């Protein structure tokens, strides 16, 4: 059974900020001649790796709202400059908008069951995907989305 992760996207004000950051990092890696992949390093390693890598995604909470996701491709052990072992989430660089959903603050990452994950925005979501990010966020905050 597939399971997902959810994490706060600290420092990003919008999905566009996150996407821009990803594009900049990948371009810098290409210029440096290294593998152009997005790896988000976190302190703890998930124990449910098989379920996560069976189609799971990392859902990003931006400004208190679950707004997008990225598919998890790999979980990789990483050792920091300080010698401490960490986990690298290798993510598909494509950011997928999801139906906005409020989410309170928390630390680190949490598991998110597929049945609790917001659906992707698409043709069946009545033009929500075409709305400006700020408008979507305000409508969610007012409880209208």
N, C-alpha and C. Protein backbone atom coordinates (compact mmCIF):
# COMPACT_ATOMS: atom_id res chain seq x y z
N UNK A 1 0.85 -1.19 0.00
CA UNK A 1 0.00 0.00 0.00
C UNK A 1 0.89 1.25 0.00
N UNK A 2 0.60 2.16 -0.89
CA UNK A 2 1.39 3.38 -1.01
C UNK A 2 1.13 4.33 0.14
N UNK A 3 2.20 4.95 0.62
CA UNK A 3 2.10 5.98 1.65
C UNK A 3 2.93 7.17 1.18
N UNK A 4 2.59 8.35 1.67
CA UNK A 4 3.25 9.59 1.28
C UNK A 4 3.89 10.23 2.50
N UNK A 5 4.61 11.31 2.25
CA UNK A 5 5.16 12.14 3.32
C UNK A 5 4.60 13.54 3.17
N UNK A 6 4.55 14.27 4.27
CA UNK A 6 4.15 15.66 4.26
C UNK A 6 5.20 16.44 5.03
N UNK A 7 5.55 17.63 4.54
CA UNK A 7 6.62 18.42 5.15
C UNK A 7 6.36 19.90 4.91
N UNK A 8 6.77 20.73 5.88
CA UNK A 8 6.68 22.17 5.69
C UNK A 8 7.74 22.61 4.69
N UNK A 9 7.38 23.51 3.81
CA UNK A 9 8.31 24.07 2.83
C UNK A 9 8.78 25.42 3.37
N UNK A 10 9.79 25.37 4.21
CA UNK A 10 10.28 26.57 4.90
C UNK A 10 11.01 27.47 3.91
N UNK A 11 10.68 28.75 3.93
CA UNK A 11 11.36 29.73 3.10
C UNK A 11 10.66 30.04 1.80
N UNK A 12 9.72 29.22 1.39
CA UNK A 12 8.98 29.48 0.15
C UNK A 12 7.66 30.16 0.49
N UNK A 13 7.34 31.20 -0.26
CA UNK A 13 6.08 31.92 -0.08
C UNK A 13 4.99 31.40 -1.01
N UNK A 14 5.38 30.61 -2.01
CA UNK A 14 4.41 30.13 -2.99
C UNK A 14 4.97 28.90 -3.71
N UNK A 15 4.10 28.26 -4.46
CA UNK A 15 4.53 27.13 -5.28
C UNK A 15 5.53 27.62 -6.32
N UNK A 16 5.32 28.83 -6.82
CA UNK A 16 6.25 29.40 -7.81
C UNK A 16 7.63 29.58 -7.20
N UNK A 17 7.70 30.00 -5.94
CA UNK A 17 9.00 30.10 -5.25
C UNK A 17 9.69 28.74 -5.22
N UNK A 18 8.95 27.72 -4.82
CA UNK A 18 9.52 26.36 -4.74
C UNK A 18 10.01 25.92 -6.12
N UNK A 19 9.18 26.10 -7.14
CA UNK A 19 9.57 25.68 -8.49
C UNK A 19 10.80 26.44 -8.98
N UNK A 20 10.86 27.73 -8.69
CA UNK A 20 12.02 28.53 -9.08
C UNK A 20 13.29 28.06 -8.39
N UNK A 21 13.18 27.74 -7.11
CA UNK A 21 14.32 27.24 -6.35
C UNK A 21 14.82 25.92 -6.95
N UNK A 22 13.89 25.03 -7.29
CA UNK A 22 14.25 23.74 -7.88
C UNK A 22 14.98 23.96 -9.21
N UNK A 23 14.42 24.83 -10.06
CA UNK A 23 15.03 25.10 -11.36
C UNK A 23 16.44 25.67 -11.20
N UNK A 24 16.63 26.59 -10.25
CA UNK A 24 17.95 27.18 -10.02
C UNK A 24 18.96 26.14 -9.57
N UNK A 25 18.56 25.29 -8.64
CA UNK A 25 19.46 24.24 -8.14
C UNK A 25 19.85 23.25 -9.24
N UNK A 26 18.87 22.85 -10.04
CA UNK A 26 19.17 21.89 -11.11
C UNK A 26 20.09 22.52 -12.15
N UNK A 27 19.87 23.79 -12.48
CA UNK A 27 20.72 24.49 -13.45
C UNK A 27 22.15 24.60 -12.92
N UNK A 28 22.29 24.90 -11.63
CA UNK A 28 23.62 25.01 -11.03
C UNK A 28 24.34 23.66 -11.07
N UNK A 29 23.61 22.58 -10.85
CA UNK A 29 24.23 21.26 -10.90
C UNK A 29 24.68 20.92 -12.32
N UNK A 30 23.86 21.29 -13.30
CA UNK A 30 24.24 21.04 -14.71
C UNK A 30 25.50 21.82 -15.06
N UNK A 31 25.56 23.09 -14.65
CA UNK A 31 26.74 23.92 -14.93
C UNK A 31 27.98 23.34 -14.26
N UNK A 32 27.82 22.76 -13.09
CA UNK A 32 28.94 22.18 -12.35
C UNK A 32 29.33 20.80 -12.88
N UNK A 33 28.52 20.26 -13.79
CA UNK A 33 28.82 18.96 -14.36
C UNK A 33 28.46 17.79 -13.46
N UNK A 34 27.58 18.04 -12.49
CA UNK A 34 27.14 16.96 -11.61
C UNK A 34 25.74 16.50 -12.03
N UNK A 35 25.29 15.42 -11.44
CA UNK A 35 23.97 14.87 -11.75
C UNK A 35 22.91 15.89 -11.35
N UNK A 36 22.06 16.24 -12.30
CA UNK A 36 21.01 17.24 -12.05
C UNK A 36 19.78 16.54 -11.49
N UNK A 37 19.79 16.34 -10.18
CA UNK A 37 18.64 15.74 -9.51
C UNK A 37 18.34 16.55 -8.26
N UNK A 38 17.09 16.51 -7.86
CA UNK A 38 16.70 17.23 -6.66
C UNK A 38 16.74 16.27 -5.48
N UNK A 39 17.56 16.61 -4.48
CA UNK A 39 17.67 15.79 -3.28
C UNK A 39 17.39 16.71 -2.10
N UNK A 40 16.35 16.40 -1.35
CA UNK A 40 16.02 17.15 -0.14
C UNK A 40 16.51 16.32 1.05
N UNK A 41 17.46 16.87 1.80
CA UNK A 41 18.06 16.14 2.92
C UNK A 41 17.31 16.45 4.21
N UNK A 42 17.02 15.40 4.95
CA UNK A 42 16.31 15.51 6.21
C UNK A 42 17.03 14.65 7.26
N UNK A 43 16.80 14.96 8.51
CA UNK A 43 17.54 14.28 9.58
C UNK A 43 17.14 12.82 9.76
N UNK A 44 15.86 12.55 9.74
CA UNK A 44 15.37 11.21 10.04
C UNK A 44 15.11 10.42 8.75
N UNK A 45 15.35 9.12 8.82
CA UNK A 45 15.10 8.22 7.70
C UNK A 45 13.77 7.50 7.91
N UNK A 46 12.86 7.56 6.95
CA UNK A 46 11.59 6.85 7.10
C UNK A 46 11.80 5.34 7.17
N UNK A 47 11.01 4.70 7.99
CA UNK A 47 11.08 3.24 8.15
C UNK A 47 10.20 2.53 7.11
N UNK A 48 9.22 3.23 6.55
CA UNK A 48 8.26 2.62 5.61
C UNK A 48 8.70 2.86 4.16
N UNK A 49 9.97 2.57 3.89
CA UNK A 49 10.55 2.89 2.58
C UNK A 49 9.86 2.20 1.42
N UNK A 50 9.55 0.93 1.57
CA UNK A 50 8.91 0.20 0.47
C UNK A 50 7.58 0.82 0.09
N UNK A 51 6.79 1.23 1.09
CA UNK A 51 5.49 1.85 0.83
C UNK A 51 5.66 3.24 0.19
N UNK A 52 6.68 3.98 0.62
CA UNK A 52 6.93 5.31 0.06
C UNK A 52 7.36 5.24 -1.40
N UNK A 53 8.19 4.25 -1.71
CA UNK A 53 8.72 4.14 -3.07
C UNK A 53 7.79 3.38 -4.01
N UNK A 54 6.60 3.04 -3.53
CA UNK A 54 5.58 2.38 -4.34
C UNK A 54 4.61 3.44 -4.87
N UNK A 55 5.16 4.55 -5.40
CA UNK A 55 4.33 5.61 -5.96
C UNK A 55 4.03 6.75 -5.01
N UNK A 56 4.73 6.81 -3.87
CA UNK A 56 4.49 7.88 -2.89
C UNK A 56 5.06 9.21 -3.32
N UNK A 57 4.57 10.26 -2.68
CA UNK A 57 5.01 11.62 -2.96
C UNK A 57 5.32 12.36 -1.67
N UNK A 58 6.05 13.45 -1.81
CA UNK A 58 6.28 14.38 -0.71
C UNK A 58 5.34 15.56 -0.94
N UNK A 59 4.39 15.75 -0.02
CA UNK A 59 3.44 16.86 -0.10
C UNK A 59 4.01 18.04 0.66
N UNK A 60 4.01 19.21 0.03
CA UNK A 60 4.58 20.42 0.60
C UNK A 60 3.50 21.31 1.19
N UNK A 61 3.72 21.73 2.45
CA UNK A 61 2.86 22.71 3.11
C UNK A 61 3.55 24.06 2.96
N UNK A 62 2.90 24.96 2.26
CA UNK A 62 3.45 26.30 2.04
C UNK A 62 2.48 27.31 2.64
N UNK A 63 2.97 28.11 3.57
CA UNK A 63 2.15 29.13 4.24
C UNK A 63 0.90 28.52 4.87
N UNK A 64 1.05 27.36 5.53
CA UNK A 64 -0.05 26.74 6.26
C UNK A 64 -1.07 25.99 5.42
N UNK A 65 -0.75 25.76 4.13
CA UNK A 65 -1.68 25.08 3.24
C UNK A 65 -0.93 24.03 2.42
N UNK A 66 -1.46 22.80 2.38
CA UNK A 66 -0.89 21.80 1.48
C UNK A 66 -1.21 22.28 0.07
N UNK A 67 -0.16 22.55 -0.73
CA UNK A 67 -0.39 23.15 -2.05
C UNK A 67 0.12 22.33 -3.22
N UNK A 68 1.11 21.46 -2.98
CA UNK A 68 1.69 20.72 -4.10
C UNK A 68 2.40 19.47 -3.60
N UNK A 69 2.84 18.69 -4.55
CA UNK A 69 3.56 17.45 -4.22
C UNK A 69 4.63 17.18 -5.27
N UNK A 70 5.59 16.35 -4.87
CA UNK A 70 6.60 15.84 -5.79
C UNK A 70 6.73 14.35 -5.53
N UNK A 71 6.83 13.58 -6.60
CA UNK A 71 6.94 12.12 -6.46
C UNK A 71 8.31 11.75 -5.90
N UNK A 72 8.31 10.82 -4.94
CA UNK A 72 9.55 10.29 -4.37
C UNK A 72 10.14 9.24 -5.31
N UNK A 73 11.39 9.41 -5.68
CA UNK A 73 12.05 8.46 -6.57
C UNK A 73 12.97 7.50 -5.82
N UNK A 74 13.58 8.01 -4.75
CA UNK A 74 14.57 7.21 -4.03
C UNK A 74 14.78 7.81 -2.64
N UNK A 75 15.14 6.98 -1.69
CA UNK A 75 15.58 7.42 -0.37
C UNK A 75 17.05 7.00 -0.26
N UNK A 76 17.91 7.98 -0.02
CA UNK A 76 19.35 7.73 -0.10
C UNK A 76 20.04 8.13 1.21
N UNK A 77 20.91 7.28 1.74
CA UNK A 77 21.66 7.70 2.93
C UNK A 77 22.65 8.81 2.55
N UNK A 78 22.73 9.82 3.40
CA UNK A 78 23.61 10.96 3.18
C UNK A 78 24.37 11.23 4.47
N UNK A 79 25.66 11.48 4.37
CA UNK A 79 26.44 11.87 5.54
C UNK A 79 26.81 13.33 5.38
N UNK A 80 26.43 14.14 6.38
CA UNK A 80 26.71 15.57 6.32
C UNK A 80 28.17 15.89 6.58
N UNK A 81 28.53 17.15 6.36
CA UNK A 81 29.90 17.61 6.62
C UNK A 81 30.28 17.41 8.09
N UNK A 82 29.26 17.33 8.95
CA UNK A 82 29.50 17.14 10.38
C UNK A 82 29.61 15.67 10.77
N UNK A 83 29.54 14.77 9.77
CA UNK A 83 29.67 13.34 10.03
C UNK A 83 28.38 12.66 10.46
N UNK A 84 27.28 13.40 10.53
CA UNK A 84 26.00 12.84 10.97
C UNK A 84 25.25 12.25 9.78
N UNK A 85 24.71 11.04 9.98
CA UNK A 85 23.93 10.38 8.93
C UNK A 85 22.56 11.01 8.81
N UNK A 86 22.14 11.20 7.57
CA UNK A 86 20.84 11.77 7.26
C UNK A 86 20.20 10.99 6.13
N UNK A 87 19.04 11.44 5.69
CA UNK A 87 18.34 10.79 4.58
C UNK A 87 18.10 11.80 3.47
N UNK A 88 18.43 11.43 2.26
CA UNK A 88 18.16 12.28 1.10
C UNK A 88 16.94 11.77 0.36
N UNK A 89 15.92 12.63 0.28
CA UNK A 89 14.74 12.31 -0.52
C UNK A 89 15.04 12.74 -1.95
N UNK A 90 15.19 11.80 -2.85
CA UNK A 90 15.38 12.13 -4.27
C UNK A 90 13.99 12.30 -4.84
N UNK A 91 13.73 13.50 -5.37
CA UNK A 91 12.39 13.87 -5.81
C UNK A 91 12.34 14.11 -7.31
N UNK A 92 11.24 13.76 -7.91
CA UNK A 92 11.00 14.14 -9.30
C UNK A 92 10.89 15.66 -9.31
N UNK A 93 11.62 16.35 -10.17
CA UNK A 93 11.60 17.81 -10.13
C UNK A 93 10.26 18.45 -10.50
N UNK A 94 9.37 17.69 -11.11
CA UNK A 94 8.06 18.22 -11.49
C UNK A 94 7.21 18.44 -10.23
N UNK A 95 6.71 19.67 -10.09
CA UNK A 95 5.84 20.03 -8.97
C UNK A 95 4.40 19.94 -9.45
N UNK A 96 3.59 19.16 -8.74
CA UNK A 96 2.19 18.92 -9.12
C UNK A 96 1.30 19.66 -8.12
N UNK A 97 0.45 20.55 -8.63
CA UNK A 97 -0.50 21.25 -7.76
C UNK A 97 -1.54 20.27 -7.25
N UNK A 98 -1.92 20.45 -5.98
CA UNK A 98 -2.97 19.61 -5.40
C UNK A 98 -4.08 20.53 -4.89
N UNK A 99 -5.22 19.91 -4.63
CA UNK A 99 -6.34 20.66 -4.06
C UNK A 99 -5.88 21.27 -2.73
N UNK A 100 -5.92 22.59 -2.60
CA UNK A 100 -5.39 23.23 -1.39
C UNK A 100 -6.14 22.78 -0.14
N UNK A 101 -5.37 22.52 0.92
CA UNK A 101 -5.96 22.06 2.17
C UNK A 101 -5.17 22.64 3.33
N UNK A 102 -5.83 23.28 4.29
CA UNK A 102 -5.11 23.84 5.43
C UNK A 102 -4.40 22.76 6.24
N UNK A 103 -3.25 23.11 6.79
CA UNK A 103 -2.50 22.18 7.64
C UNK A 103 -1.72 22.99 8.67
N UNK A 104 -1.93 22.67 9.92
CA UNK A 104 -1.23 23.36 11.01
C UNK A 104 0.25 23.04 11.03
N UNK A 105 1.00 23.79 11.83
CA UNK A 105 2.45 23.59 11.89
C UNK A 105 2.84 22.28 12.58
N UNK A 106 3.98 21.74 12.19
CA UNK A 106 4.56 20.55 12.79
C UNK A 106 6.05 20.56 12.46
N UNK A 107 6.81 19.75 13.15
CA UNK A 107 8.25 19.68 12.88
C UNK A 107 8.59 18.45 12.06
N UNK A 108 9.63 18.57 11.26
CA UNK A 108 10.09 17.44 10.47
C UNK A 108 9.10 17.05 9.40
N UNK A 109 9.00 15.76 9.14
CA UNK A 109 8.04 15.24 8.17
C UNK A 109 7.12 14.28 8.90
N UNK A 110 6.01 13.99 8.28
CA UNK A 110 5.04 13.03 8.81
C UNK A 110 4.58 12.13 7.67
N UNK A 111 4.15 10.92 8.02
CA UNK A 111 3.53 10.07 7.02
C UNK A 111 2.14 10.62 6.69
N UNK A 112 1.72 10.43 5.44
CA UNK A 112 0.40 10.87 4.98
C UNK A 112 -0.19 9.72 4.17
N UNK A 113 -1.20 9.08 4.73
CA UNK A 113 -1.85 7.99 4.01
C UNK A 113 -2.46 8.50 2.72
N UNK A 114 -2.46 7.66 1.71
CA UNK A 114 -2.99 8.05 0.39
C UNK A 114 -4.45 8.48 0.49
N UNK A 115 -5.23 7.84 1.35
CA UNK A 115 -6.65 8.21 1.47
C UNK A 115 -6.83 9.60 2.09
N UNK A 116 -5.82 10.10 2.79
CA UNK A 116 -5.89 11.44 3.41
C UNK A 116 -5.22 12.51 2.57
N UNK A 117 -4.55 12.12 1.51
CA UNK A 117 -3.81 13.08 0.66
C UNK A 117 -4.79 13.84 -0.23
N UNK A 118 -4.57 15.15 -0.40
CA UNK A 118 -5.44 15.90 -1.30
C UNK A 118 -5.22 15.47 -2.75
N UNK A 119 -6.29 15.46 -3.54
CA UNK A 119 -6.15 15.06 -4.95
C UNK A 119 -5.43 16.14 -5.76
N UNK A 120 -4.84 15.71 -6.86
CA UNK A 120 -4.20 16.65 -7.78
C UNK A 120 -5.24 17.57 -8.37
N UNK A 121 -4.82 18.80 -8.66
CA UNK A 121 -5.70 19.72 -9.37
C UNK A 121 -5.72 19.31 -10.84
N UNK A 122 -6.87 19.33 -11.42
CA UNK A 122 -7.00 18.94 -12.82
C UNK A 122 -8.29 19.47 -13.40
N UNK A 123 -8.70 18.87 -14.47
CA UNK A 123 -9.90 19.32 -15.18
C UNK A 123 -11.15 19.24 -14.31
N UNK A 124 -11.17 18.31 -13.37
CA UNK A 124 -12.36 18.14 -12.54
C UNK A 124 -12.44 19.11 -11.37
N UNK A 125 -11.48 20.03 -11.26
CA UNK A 125 -11.46 20.93 -10.10
C UNK A 125 -11.92 22.35 -10.45
N UNK A 126 -12.69 22.49 -11.49
CA UNK A 126 -13.39 23.74 -11.84
C UNK A 126 -12.50 24.97 -11.92
N UNK A 127 -11.35 24.86 -12.55
CA UNK A 127 -10.51 26.03 -12.78
C UNK A 127 -9.66 26.48 -11.60
N UNK A 128 -9.63 25.71 -10.53
CA UNK A 128 -8.84 26.12 -9.36
C UNK A 128 -7.36 26.22 -9.73
N UNK A 129 -6.87 25.34 -10.58
CA UNK A 129 -5.45 25.34 -10.95
C UNK A 129 -5.06 26.63 -11.67
N UNK A 130 -6.01 27.25 -12.37
CA UNK A 130 -5.69 28.46 -13.11
C UNK A 130 -5.71 29.71 -12.24
N UNK A 131 -6.24 29.60 -11.03
CA UNK A 131 -6.28 30.76 -10.12
C UNK A 131 -4.88 31.14 -9.68
N UNK A 132 -4.65 32.43 -9.46
CA UNK A 132 -3.37 32.83 -8.88
C UNK A 132 -3.20 32.20 -7.49
N UNK A 133 -1.96 31.89 -7.16
CA UNK A 133 -1.66 31.23 -5.88
C UNK A 133 -2.24 31.98 -4.70
N UNK A 134 -2.08 33.30 -4.67
CA UNK A 134 -2.58 34.10 -3.54
C UNK A 134 -4.10 33.99 -3.41
N UNK A 135 -4.78 33.96 -4.55
CA UNK A 135 -6.24 33.85 -4.51
C UNK A 135 -6.66 32.49 -3.94
N UNK A 136 -5.98 31.41 -4.41
CA UNK A 136 -6.28 30.08 -3.87
C UNK A 136 -6.07 30.05 -2.36
N UNK A 137 -4.94 30.63 -1.91
CA UNK A 137 -4.63 30.62 -0.48
C UNK A 137 -5.69 31.38 0.31
N UNK A 138 -6.11 32.55 -0.17
CA UNK A 138 -7.13 33.34 0.52
C UNK A 138 -8.47 32.61 0.58
N UNK A 139 -8.86 31.95 -0.51
CA UNK A 139 -10.11 31.21 -0.52
C UNK A 139 -10.07 30.03 0.45
N UNK A 140 -8.91 29.36 0.55
CA UNK A 140 -8.77 28.27 1.52
C UNK A 140 -8.87 28.82 2.93
N UNK A 141 -8.20 29.94 3.20
CA UNK A 141 -8.22 30.53 4.54
C UNK A 141 -9.63 30.95 4.94
N UNK A 142 -10.44 31.35 3.96
CA UNK A 142 -11.83 31.73 4.26
C UNK A 142 -12.76 30.52 4.30
N UNK A 143 -12.22 29.35 3.99
CA UNK A 143 -13.04 28.14 4.01
C UNK A 143 -13.92 27.96 2.79
N UNK A 144 -13.58 28.64 1.69
CA UNK A 144 -14.39 28.58 0.49
C UNK A 144 -13.88 27.53 -0.50
N UNK A 145 -12.70 27.01 -0.28
CA UNK A 145 -12.17 25.93 -1.13
C UNK A 145 -11.90 24.72 -0.27
